mmCIF file of all heavy atoms, coordinates in Angstrom:
data_MODEL
# 
_entry.id   MODEL 
# 
loop_
_atom_site.group_PDB 
_atom_site.id 
_atom_site.type_symbol 
_atom_site.label_atom_id 
_atom_site.label_alt_id 
_atom_site.label_comp_id 
_atom_site.label_asym_id 
_atom_site.label_entity_id 
_atom_site.label_seq_id 
_atom_site.pdbx_PDB_ins_code 
_atom_site.Cartn_x 
_atom_site.Cartn_y 
_atom_site.Cartn_z 
_atom_site.occupancy 
_atom_site.B_iso_or_equiv 
_atom_site.pdbx_formal_charge 
_atom_site.auth_seq_id 
_atom_site.auth_comp_id 
_atom_site.auth_asym_id 
_atom_site.auth_atom_id 
_atom_site.pdbx_PDB_model_num 
ATOM 1   N N   . GLY A 1 1  ? 67.674 175.816 127.390 1.00 0.00 ? 1  GLY A N   1 
ATOM 2   C CA  . GLY A 1 1  ? 66.413 176.302 127.923 1.00 0.00 ? 1  GLY A CA  1 
ATOM 3   C C   . GLY A 1 1  ? 66.184 175.811 129.323 1.00 0.00 ? 1  GLY A C   1 
ATOM 4   O O   . GLY A 1 1  ? 67.109 175.283 129.965 1.00 0.00 ? 1  GLY A O   1 
ATOM 5   N N   . ALA A 1 2  ? 64.946 175.962 129.839 1.00 0.00 ? 2  ALA A N   1 
ATOM 6   C CA  . ALA A 1 2  ? 64.631 175.555 131.193 1.00 0.00 ? 2  ALA A CA  1 
ATOM 7   C C   . ALA A 1 2  ? 63.135 175.324 131.321 1.00 0.00 ? 2  ALA A C   1 
ATOM 8   O O   . ALA A 1 2  ? 62.354 175.815 130.520 1.00 0.00 ? 2  ALA A O   1 
ATOM 9   C CB  . ALA A 1 2  ? 65.099 176.630 132.187 1.00 0.00 ? 2  ALA A CB  1 
ATOM 10  N N   . GLY A 1 3  ? 62.770 174.591 132.371 1.00 0.00 ? 3  GLY A N   1 
ATOM 11  C CA  . GLY A 1 3  ? 61.362 174.317 132.678 1.00 0.00 ? 3  GLY A CA  1 
ATOM 12  C C   . GLY A 1 3  ? 60.667 173.700 131.510 1.00 0.00 ? 3  GLY A C   1 
ATOM 13  O O   . GLY A 1 3  ? 61.186 172.760 130.862 1.00 0.00 ? 3  GLY A O   1 
ATOM 14  N N   . ILE A 1 4  ? 59.447 174.142 131.207 1.00 0.00 ? 4  ILE A N   1 
ATOM 15  C CA  . ILE A 1 4  ? 58.676 173.544 130.112 1.00 0.00 ? 4  ILE A CA  1 
ATOM 16  C C   . ILE A 1 4  ? 59.248 173.907 128.772 1.00 0.00 ? 4  ILE A C   1 
ATOM 17  O O   . ILE A 1 4  ? 58.843 173.317 127.762 1.00 0.00 ? 4  ILE A O   1 
ATOM 18  C CB  . ILE A 1 4  ? 57.152 173.975 130.183 1.00 0.00 ? 4  ILE A CB  1 
ATOM 19  C CG1 . ILE A 1 4  ? 57.031 175.460 129.988 1.00 0.00 ? 4  ILE A CG1 1 
ATOM 20  C CG2 . ILE A 1 4  ? 56.532 173.519 131.484 1.00 0.00 ? 4  ILE A CG2 1 
ATOM 21  C CD1 . ILE A 1 4  ? 55.572 175.913 129.810 1.00 0.00 ? 4  ILE A CD1 1 
ATOM 22  N N   . HIS A 1 5  ? 60.208 174.836 128.742 1.00 0.00 ? 5  HIS A N   1 
ATOM 23  C CA  . HIS A 1 5  ? 60.789 175.251 127.478 1.00 0.00 ? 5  HIS A CA  1 
ATOM 24  C C   . HIS A 1 5  ? 62.168 174.576 127.272 1.00 0.00 ? 5  HIS A C   1 
ATOM 25  O O   . HIS A 1 5  ? 62.931 175.045 126.409 1.00 0.00 ? 5  HIS A O   1 
ATOM 26  C CB  . HIS A 1 5  ? 60.927 176.766 127.407 1.00 0.00 ? 5  HIS A CB  1 
ATOM 27  C CG  . HIS A 1 5  ? 59.638 177.462 127.393 1.00 0.00 ? 5  HIS A CG  1 
ATOM 28  N ND1 . HIS A 1 5  ? 58.786 177.464 126.306 1.00 0.00 ? 5  HIS A ND1 1 
ATOM 29  C CD2 . HIS A 1 5  ? 58.949 178.144 128.369 1.00 0.00 ? 5  HIS A CD2 1 
ATOM 30  C CE1 . HIS A 1 5  ? 57.692 178.139 126.595 1.00 0.00 ? 5  HIS A CE1 1 
ATOM 31  N NE2 . HIS A 1 5  ? 57.754 178.594 127.829 1.00 0.00 ? 5  HIS A NE2 1 
ATOM 32  N N   . VAL A 1 6  ? 62.500 173.576 128.065 1.00 0.00 ? 6  VAL A N   1 
ATOM 33  C CA  . VAL A 1 6  ? 63.796 172.900 127.869 1.00 0.00 ? 6  VAL A CA  1 
ATOM 34  C C   . VAL A 1 6  ? 63.791 172.184 126.509 1.00 0.00 ? 6  VAL A C   1 
ATOM 35  O O   . VAL A 1 6  ? 62.775 171.676 126.063 1.00 0.00 ? 6  VAL A O   1 
ATOM 36  C CB  . VAL A 1 6  ? 64.069 171.943 129.027 1.00 0.00 ? 6  VAL A CB  1 
ATOM 37  C CG1 . VAL A 1 6  ? 63.156 170.719 128.956 1.00 0.00 ? 6  VAL A CG1 1 
ATOM 38  C CG2 . VAL A 1 6  ? 65.541 171.503 129.039 1.00 0.00 ? 6  VAL A CG2 1 
ATOM 39  N N   . CYS A 1 7  ? 64.933 172.197 125.836 1.00 0.00 ? 7  CYS A N   1 
ATOM 40  C CA  . CYS A 1 7  ? 65.067 171.604 124.504 1.00 0.00 ? 7  CYS A CA  1 
ATOM 41  C C   . CYS A 1 7  ? 64.859 170.094 124.584 1.00 0.00 ? 7  CYS A C   1 
ATOM 42  O O   . CYS A 1 7  ? 65.646 169.409 125.281 1.00 0.00 ? 7  CYS A O   1 
ATOM 43  C CB  . CYS A 1 7  ? 66.435 171.938 123.946 1.00 0.00 ? 7  CYS A CB  1 
ATOM 44  S SG  . CYS A 1 7  ? 66.783 171.111 122.363 1.00 0.00 ? 7  CYS A SG  1 
ATOM 45  N N   . PRO A 1 8  ? 63.882 169.508 123.842 1.00 0.00 ? 8  PRO A N   1 
ATOM 46  C CA  . PRO A 1 8  ? 63.720 168.064 123.875 1.00 0.00 ? 8  PRO A CA  1 
ATOM 47  C C   . PRO A 1 8  ? 64.871 167.306 123.237 1.00 0.00 ? 8  PRO A C   1 
ATOM 48  O O   . PRO A 1 8  ? 65.041 166.100 123.459 1.00 0.00 ? 8  PRO A O   1 
ATOM 49  C CB  . PRO A 1 8  ? 62.393 167.851 123.130 1.00 0.00 ? 8  PRO A CB  1 
ATOM 50  C CG  . PRO A 1 8  ? 62.257 169.046 122.259 1.00 0.00 ? 8  PRO A CG  1 
ATOM 51  C CD  . PRO A 1 8  ? 62.889 170.180 123.006 1.00 0.00 ? 8  PRO A CD  1 
ATOM 52  N N   . GLY A 1 9  ? 65.663 168.022 122.433 1.00 0.00 ? 9  GLY A N   1 
ATOM 53  C CA  . GLY A 1 9  ? 66.807 167.405 121.769 1.00 0.00 ? 9  GLY A CA  1 
ATOM 54  C C   . GLY A 1 9  ? 68.087 167.477 122.540 1.00 0.00 ? 9  GLY A C   1 
ATOM 55  O O   . GLY A 1 9  ? 69.144 167.096 122.089 1.00 0.00 ? 9  GLY A O   1 
ATOM 56  N N   . ALA A 1 10 ? 68.027 168.036 123.813 1.00 0.00 ? 10 ALA A N   1 
ATOM 57  C CA  . ALA A 1 10 ? 69.261 168.229 124.576 1.00 0.00 ? 10 ALA A CA  1 
ATOM 58  C C   . ALA A 1 10 ? 70.072 166.950 124.783 1.00 0.00 ? 10 ALA A C   1 
ATOM 59  O O   . ALA A 1 10 ? 71.305 166.959 124.596 1.00 0.00 ? 10 ALA A O   1 
ATOM 60  C CB  . ALA A 1 10 ? 68.932 168.893 125.910 1.00 0.00 ? 10 ALA A CB  1 
ATOM 61  N N   . PRO A 1 11 ? 69.451 165.814 125.147 1.00 0.00 ? 11 PRO A N   1 
ATOM 62  C CA  . PRO A 1 11 ? 70.282 164.610 125.317 1.00 0.00 ? 11 PRO A CA  1 
ATOM 63  C C   . PRO A 1 11 ? 70.990 164.201 124.042 1.00 0.00 ? 11 PRO A C   1 
ATOM 64  O O   . PRO A 1 11 ? 72.149 163.766 124.064 1.00 0.00 ? 11 PRO A O   1 
ATOM 65  C CB  . PRO A 1 11 ? 69.258 163.563 125.777 1.00 0.00 ? 11 PRO A CB  1 
ATOM 66  C CG  . PRO A 1 11 ? 68.143 164.332 126.380 1.00 0.00 ? 11 PRO A CG  1 
ATOM 67  C CD  . PRO A 1 11 ? 68.084 165.613 125.570 1.00 0.00 ? 11 PRO A CD  1 
ATOM 68  N N   . LEU A 1 12 ? 70.296 164.289 122.895 1.00 0.00 ? 12 LEU A N   1 
ATOM 69  C CA  . LEU A 1 12 ? 70.912 163.946 121.618 1.00 0.00 ? 12 LEU A CA  1 
ATOM 70  C C   . LEU A 1 12 ? 72.040 164.921 121.289 1.00 0.00 ? 12 LEU A C   1 
ATOM 71  O O   . LEU A 1 12 ? 73.123 164.515 120.854 1.00 0.00 ? 12 LEU A O   1 
ATOM 72  C CB  . LEU A 1 12 ? 69.887 163.955 120.492 1.00 0.00 ? 12 LEU A CB  1 
ATOM 73  C CG  . LEU A 1 12 ? 70.410 163.667 119.104 1.00 0.00 ? 12 LEU A CG  1 
ATOM 74  C CD1 . LEU A 1 12 ? 71.081 162.315 119.020 1.00 0.00 ? 12 LEU A CD1 1 
ATOM 75  C CD2 . LEU A 1 12 ? 69.290 163.797 118.050 1.00 0.00 ? 12 LEU A CD2 1 
ATOM 76  N N   . ALA A 1 13 ? 71.796 166.215 121.491 1.00 0.00 ? 13 ALA A N   1 
ATOM 77  C CA  . ALA A 1 13 ? 72.856 167.213 121.210 1.00 0.00 ? 13 ALA A CA  1 
ATOM 78  C C   . ALA A 1 13 ? 74.072 166.975 122.067 1.00 0.00 ? 13 ALA A C   1 
ATOM 79  O O   . ALA A 1 13 ? 75.210 167.020 121.558 1.00 0.00 ? 13 ALA A O   1 
ATOM 80  C CB  . ALA A 1 13 ? 72.296 168.620 121.458 1.00 0.00 ? 13 ALA A CB  1 
ATOM 81  N N   . ARG A 1 14 ? 73.863 166.726 123.339 1.00 0.00 ? 14 ARG A N   1 
ATOM 82  C CA  . ARG A 1 14 ? 75.039 166.456 124.216 1.00 0.00 ? 14 ARG A CA  1 
ATOM 83  C C   . ARG A 1 14 ? 75.799 165.210 123.769 1.00 0.00 ? 14 ARG A C   1 
ATOM 84  O O   . ARG A 1 14 ? 77.014 165.180 123.817 1.00 0.00 ? 14 ARG A O   1 
ATOM 85  C CB  . ARG A 1 14 ? 74.545 166.344 125.669 1.00 0.00 ? 14 ARG A CB  1 
ATOM 86  C CG  . ARG A 1 14 ? 74.186 167.684 126.309 1.00 0.00 ? 14 ARG A CG  1 
ATOM 87  C CD  . ARG A 1 14 ? 73.938 167.542 127.790 1.00 0.00 ? 14 ARG A CD  1 
ATOM 88  N NE  . ARG A 1 14 ? 73.866 168.805 128.465 1.00 0.00 ? 14 ARG A NE  1 
ATOM 89  C CZ  . ARG A 1 14 ? 72.724 169.370 128.926 1.00 0.00 ? 14 ARG A CZ  1 
ATOM 90  N NH1 . ARG A 1 14 ? 71.589 168.725 128.792 1.00 0.00 ? 14 ARG A NH1 1 
ATOM 91  N NH2 . ARG A 1 14 ? 72.769 170.558 129.515 1.00 0.00 ? 14 ARG A NH2 1 
ATOM 92  N N   . LEU A 1 15 ? 75.053 164.179 123.378 1.00 0.00 ? 15 LEU A N   1 
ATOM 93  C CA  . LEU A 1 15 ? 75.695 162.935 122.914 1.00 0.00 ? 15 LEU A CA  1 
ATOM 94  C C   . LEU A 1 15 ? 76.522 163.224 121.656 1.00 0.00 ? 15 LEU A C   1 
ATOM 95  O O   . LEU A 1 15 ? 77.676 162.822 121.570 1.00 0.00 ? 15 LEU A O   1 
ATOM 96  C CB  . LEU A 1 15 ? 74.632 161.900 122.629 1.00 0.00 ? 15 LEU A CB  1 
ATOM 97  C CG  . LEU A 1 15 ? 75.103 160.614 121.944 1.00 0.00 ? 15 LEU A CG  1 
ATOM 98  C CD1 . LEU A 1 15 ? 76.059 159.829 122.817 1.00 0.00 ? 15 LEU A CD1 1 
ATOM 99  C CD2 . LEU A 1 15 ? 73.912 159.756 121.533 1.00 0.00 ? 15 LEU A CD2 1 
ATOM 100 N N   . GLU A 1 16 ? 75.938 163.903 120.697 1.00 0.00 ? 16 GLU A N   1 
ATOM 101 C CA  . GLU A 1 16 ? 76.618 164.194 119.447 1.00 0.00 ? 16 GLU A CA  1 
ATOM 102 C C   . GLU A 1 16 ? 77.892 165.012 119.704 1.00 0.00 ? 16 GLU A C   1 
ATOM 103 O O   . GLU A 1 16 ? 78.965 164.700 119.166 1.00 0.00 ? 16 GLU A O   1 
ATOM 104 C CB  . GLU A 1 16 ? 75.688 164.919 118.486 1.00 0.00 ? 16 GLU A CB  1 
ATOM 105 C CG  . GLU A 1 16 ? 74.560 164.070 117.958 1.00 0.00 ? 16 GLU A CG  1 
ATOM 106 C CD  . GLU A 1 16 ? 73.609 164.852 117.076 1.00 0.00 ? 16 GLU A CD  1 
ATOM 107 O OE1 . GLU A 1 16 ? 73.461 166.070 117.264 1.00 0.00 ? 16 GLU A OE1 1 
ATOM 108 O OE2 . GLU A 1 16 ? 72.968 164.212 116.224 1.00 0.00 ? 16 GLU A OE2 1 
ATOM 109 N N   . LEU A 1 17 ? 77.774 166.070 120.495 1.00 0.00 ? 17 LEU A N   1 
ATOM 110 C CA  . LEU A 1 17 ? 78.920 166.948 120.751 1.00 0.00 ? 17 LEU A CA  1 
ATOM 111 C C   . LEU A 1 17 ? 80.042 166.208 121.507 1.00 0.00 ? 17 LEU A C   1 
ATOM 112 O O   . LEU A 1 17 ? 81.216 166.356 121.222 1.00 0.00 ? 17 LEU A O   1 
ATOM 113 C CB  . LEU A 1 17 ? 78.485 168.181 121.509 1.00 0.00 ? 17 LEU A CB  1 
ATOM 114 C CG  . LEU A 1 17 ? 77.604 169.135 120.754 1.00 0.00 ? 17 LEU A CG  1 
ATOM 115 C CD1 . LEU A 1 17 ? 77.048 170.207 121.667 1.00 0.00 ? 17 LEU A CD1 1 
ATOM 116 C CD2 . LEU A 1 17 ? 78.355 169.774 119.571 1.00 0.00 ? 17 LEU A CD2 1 
ATOM 117 N N   . ARG A 1 18 ? 79.636 165.358 122.483 1.00 0.00 ? 18 ARG A N   1 
ATOM 118 C CA  . ARG A 1 18 ? 80.633 164.604 123.227 1.00 0.00 ? 18 ARG A CA  1 
ATOM 119 C C   . ARG A 1 18 ? 81.392 163.633 122.299 1.00 0.00 ? 18 ARG A C   1 
ATOM 120 O O   . ARG A 1 18 ? 82.632 163.574 122.327 1.00 0.00 ? 18 ARG A O   1 
ATOM 121 C CB  . ARG A 1 18 ? 79.972 163.814 124.365 1.00 0.00 ? 18 ARG A CB  1 
ATOM 122 C CG  . ARG A 1 18 ? 80.974 162.903 125.121 1.00 0.00 ? 18 ARG A CG  1 
ATOM 123 C CD  . ARG A 1 18 ? 80.279 162.128 126.218 1.00 0.00 ? 18 ARG A CD  1 
ATOM 124 N NE  . ARG A 1 18 ? 79.212 161.263 125.783 1.00 0.00 ? 18 ARG A NE  1 
ATOM 125 C CZ  . ARG A 1 18 ? 79.419 160.047 125.227 1.00 0.00 ? 18 ARG A CZ  1 
ATOM 126 N NH1 . ARG A 1 18 ? 80.634 159.617 124.974 1.00 0.00 ? 18 ARG A NH1 1 
ATOM 127 N NH2 . ARG A 1 18 ? 78.372 159.329 124.845 1.00 0.00 ? 18 ARG A NH2 1 
ATOM 128 N N   . VAL A 1 19 ? 80.630 162.928 121.463 1.00 0.00 ? 19 VAL A N   1 
ATOM 129 C CA  . VAL A 1 19 ? 81.272 161.944 120.556 1.00 0.00 ? 19 VAL A CA  1 
ATOM 130 C C   . VAL A 1 19 ? 82.168 162.652 119.567 1.00 0.00 ? 19 VAL A C   1 
ATOM 131 O O   . VAL A 1 19 ? 83.336 162.188 119.299 1.00 0.00 ? 19 VAL A O   1 
ATOM 132 C CB  . VAL A 1 19 ? 80.229 161.083 119.861 1.00 0.00 ? 19 VAL A CB  1 
ATOM 133 C CG1 . VAL A 1 19 ? 80.855 160.247 118.764 1.00 0.00 ? 19 VAL A CG1 1 
ATOM 134 C CG2 . VAL A 1 19 ? 79.477 160.215 120.856 1.00 0.00 ? 19 VAL A CG2 1 
ATOM 135 N N   . VAL A 1 20 ? 81.720 163.736 118.978 1.00 0.00 ? 20 VAL A N   1 
ATOM 136 C CA  . VAL A 1 20 ? 82.567 164.479 118.002 1.00 0.00 ? 20 VAL A CA  1 
ATOM 137 C C   . VAL A 1 20 ? 83.860 164.917 118.659 1.00 0.00 ? 20 VAL A C   1 
ATOM 138 O O   . VAL A 1 20 ? 84.961 164.725 118.101 1.00 0.00 ? 20 VAL A O   1 
ATOM 139 C CB  . VAL A 1 20 ? 81.788 165.711 117.468 1.00 0.00 ? 20 VAL A CB  1 
ATOM 140 C CG1 . VAL A 1 20 ? 82.749 166.645 116.735 1.00 0.00 ? 20 VAL A CG1 1 
ATOM 141 C CG2 . VAL A 1 20 ? 80.687 165.273 116.517 1.00 0.00 ? 20 VAL A CG2 1 
ATOM 142 N N   . MET A 1 21 ? 83.761 165.497 119.857 1.00 0.00 ? 21 MET A N   1 
ATOM 143 C CA  . MET A 1 21 ? 85.006 166.032 120.485 1.00 0.00 ? 21 MET A CA  1 
ATOM 144 C C   . MET A 1 21 ? 85.883 164.898 120.999 1.00 0.00 ? 21 MET A C   1 
ATOM 145 O O   . MET A 1 21 ? 87.108 164.995 120.950 1.00 0.00 ? 21 MET A O   1 
ATOM 146 C CB  . MET A 1 21 ? 84.610 166.983 121.617 1.00 0.00 ? 21 MET A CB  1 
ATOM 147 C CG  . MET A 1 21 ? 83.913 168.259 121.176 1.00 0.00 ? 21 MET A CG  1 
ATOM 148 S SD  . MET A 1 21 ? 84.693 169.082 119.750 1.00 0.00 ? 21 MET A SD  1 
ATOM 149 C CE  . MET A 1 21 ? 86.308 169.444 120.421 1.00 0.00 ? 21 MET A CE  1 
ATOM 150 N N   . GLU A 1 22 ? 85.287 163.821 121.470 1.00 0.00 ? 22 GLU A N   1 
ATOM 151 C CA  . GLU A 1 22 ? 86.096 162.684 121.880 1.00 0.00 ? 22 GLU A CA  1 
ATOM 152 C C   . GLU A 1 22 ? 86.933 162.141 120.691 1.00 0.00 ? 22 GLU A C   1 
ATOM 153 O O   . GLU A 1 22 ? 88.128 161.903 120.830 1.00 0.00 ? 22 GLU A O   1 
ATOM 154 C CB  . GLU A 1 22 ? 85.220 161.536 122.414 1.00 0.00 ? 22 GLU A CB  1 
ATOM 155 C CG  . GLU A 1 22 ? 84.742 161.716 123.839 1.00 0.00 ? 22 GLU A CG  1 
ATOM 156 C CD  . GLU A 1 22 ? 83.824 160.571 124.281 1.00 0.00 ? 22 GLU A CD  1 
ATOM 157 O OE1 . GLU A 1 22 ? 83.442 159.735 123.428 1.00 0.00 ? 22 GLU A OE1 1 
ATOM 158 O OE2 . GLU A 1 22 ? 83.519 160.538 125.484 1.00 0.00 ? 22 GLU A OE2 1 
ATOM 159 N N   . GLU A 1 23 ? 86.277 161.963 119.555 1.00 0.00 ? 23 GLU A N   1 
ATOM 160 C CA  . GLU A 1 23 ? 86.986 161.446 118.402 1.00 0.00 ? 23 GLU A CA  1 
ATOM 161 C C   . GLU A 1 23 ? 88.030 162.431 117.885 1.00 0.00 ? 23 GLU A C   1 
ATOM 162 O O   . GLU A 1 23 ? 89.117 162.043 117.479 1.00 0.00 ? 23 GLU A O   1 
ATOM 163 C CB  . GLU A 1 23 ? 85.983 161.085 117.303 1.00 0.00 ? 23 GLU A CB  1 
ATOM 164 C CG  . GLU A 1 23 ? 85.076 159.935 117.660 1.00 0.00 ? 23 GLU A CG  1 
ATOM 165 C CD  . GLU A 1 23 ? 85.843 158.701 118.077 1.00 0.00 ? 23 GLU A CD  1 
ATOM 166 O OE1 . GLU A 1 23 ? 86.744 158.283 117.300 1.00 0.00 ? 23 GLU A OE1 1 
ATOM 167 O OE2 . GLU A 1 23 ? 85.573 158.150 119.131 1.00 0.00 ? 23 GLU A OE2 1 
ATOM 168 N N   . LEU A 1 24 ? 87.707 163.731 117.916 1.00 0.00 ? 24 LEU A N   1 
ATOM 169 C CA  . LEU A 1 24 ? 88.658 164.727 117.438 1.00 0.00 ? 24 LEU A CA  1 
ATOM 170 C C   . LEU A 1 24 ? 89.892 164.737 118.354 1.00 0.00 ? 24 LEU A C   1 
ATOM 171 O O   . LEU A 1 24 ? 91.012 164.771 117.838 1.00 0.00 ? 24 LEU A O   1 
ATOM 172 C CB  . LEU A 1 24 ? 88.009 166.094 117.445 1.00 0.00 ? 24 LEU A CB  1 
ATOM 173 C CG  . LEU A 1 24 ? 88.840 167.261 116.940 1.00 0.00 ? 24 LEU A CG  1 
ATOM 174 C CD1 . LEU A 1 24 ? 89.304 167.015 115.494 1.00 0.00 ? 24 LEU A CD1 1 
ATOM 175 C CD2 . LEU A 1 24 ? 88.077 168.555 117.036 1.00 0.00 ? 24 LEU A CD2 1 
ATOM 176 N N   . LEU A 1 25 ? 89.720 164.656 119.643 1.00 0.00 ? 25 LEU A N   1 
ATOM 177 C CA  . LEU A 1 25 ? 90.847 164.669 120.583 1.00 0.00 ? 25 LEU A CA  1 
ATOM 178 C C   . LEU A 1 25 ? 91.658 163.333 120.542 1.00 0.00 ? 25 LEU A C   1 
ATOM 179 O O   . LEU A 1 25 ? 92.855 163.341 120.657 1.00 0.00 ? 25 LEU A O   1 
ATOM 180 C CB  . LEU A 1 25 ? 90.378 165.005 121.980 1.00 0.00 ? 25 LEU A CB  1 
ATOM 181 C CG  . LEU A 1 25 ? 89.807 166.411 122.157 1.00 0.00 ? 25 LEU A CG  1 
ATOM 182 C CD1 . LEU A 1 25 ? 89.307 166.607 123.599 1.00 0.00 ? 25 LEU A CD1 1 
ATOM 183 C CD2 . LEU A 1 25 ? 90.835 167.460 121.817 1.00 0.00 ? 25 LEU A CD2 1 
ATOM 184 N N   . ARG A 1 26 ? 90.944 162.251 120.381 1.00 0.00 ? 26 ARG A N   1 
ATOM 185 C CA  . ARG A 1 26 ? 91.619 160.919 120.356 1.00 0.00 ? 26 ARG A CA  1 
ATOM 186 C C   . ARG A 1 26 ? 92.470 160.759 119.139 1.00 0.00 ? 26 ARG A C   1 
ATOM 187 O O   . ARG A 1 26 ? 93.520 160.120 119.178 1.00 0.00 ? 26 ARG A O   1 
ATOM 188 C CB  . ARG A 1 26 ? 90.538 159.816 120.398 1.00 0.00 ? 26 ARG A CB  1 
ATOM 189 C CG  . ARG A 1 26 ? 89.990 159.490 121.767 1.00 0.00 ? 26 ARG A CG  1 
ATOM 190 C CD  . ARG A 1 26 ? 89.046 158.289 121.658 1.00 0.00 ? 26 ARG A CD  1 
ATOM 191 N NE  . ARG A 1 26 ? 88.542 157.930 122.987 1.00 0.00 ? 26 ARG A NE  1 
ATOM 192 C CZ  . ARG A 1 26 ? 87.257 157.666 123.240 1.00 0.00 ? 26 ARG A CZ  1 
ATOM 193 N NH1 . ARG A 1 26 ? 86.374 157.777 122.284 1.00 0.00 ? 26 ARG A NH1 1 
ATOM 194 N NH2 . ARG A 1 26 ? 86.877 157.310 124.448 1.00 0.00 ? 26 ARG A NH2 1 
ATOM 195 N N   . GLN A 1 27 ? 92.014 161.308 118.025 1.00 0.00 ? 27 GLN A N   1 
ATOM 196 C CA  . GLN A 1 27 ? 92.691 161.006 116.773 1.00 0.00 ? 27 GLN A CA  1 
ATOM 197 C C   . GLN A 1 27 ? 93.655 162.130 116.283 1.00 0.00 ? 27 GLN A C   1 
ATOM 198 O O   . GLN A 1 27 ? 94.153 162.109 115.174 1.00 0.00 ? 27 GLN A O   1 
ATOM 199 C CB  . GLN A 1 27 ? 91.653 160.774 115.670 1.00 0.00 ? 27 GLN A CB  1 
ATOM 200 C CG  . GLN A 1 27 ? 90.755 159.557 115.972 1.00 0.00 ? 27 GLN A CG  1 
ATOM 201 C CD  . GLN A 1 27 ? 89.822 159.182 114.900 1.00 0.00 ? 27 GLN A CD  1 
ATOM 202 O OE1 . GLN A 1 27 ? 90.215 159.221 113.717 1.00 0.00 ? 27 GLN A OE1 1 
ATOM 203 N NE2 . GLN A 1 27 ? 88.608 158.835 115.205 1.00 0.00 ? 27 GLN A NE2 1 
ATOM 204 N N   . THR A 1 28 ? 93.914 163.099 117.206 1.00 0.00 ? 28 THR A N   1 
ATOM 205 C CA  . THR A 1 28 ? 94.851 164.143 116.874 1.00 0.00 ? 28 THR A CA  1 
ATOM 206 C C   . THR A 1 28 ? 95.818 164.358 118.060 1.00 0.00 ? 28 THR A C   1 
ATOM 207 O O   . THR A 1 28 ? 95.566 163.882 119.157 1.00 0.00 ? 28 THR A O   1 
ATOM 208 C CB  . THR A 1 28 ? 94.113 165.471 116.603 1.00 0.00 ? 28 THR A CB  1 
ATOM 209 O OG1 . THR A 1 28 ? 93.428 165.912 117.805 1.00 0.00 ? 28 THR A OG1 1 
ATOM 210 C CG2 . THR A 1 28 ? 93.114 165.356 115.496 1.00 0.00 ? 28 THR A CG2 1 
# 
């Protein structure tokens, strides 16, 4: 989203996705 409609969960979502993909790539 953007402006006043930006997702308040964006920082958490980015953290979760980064950690998931880091672990997937590190362990395979």
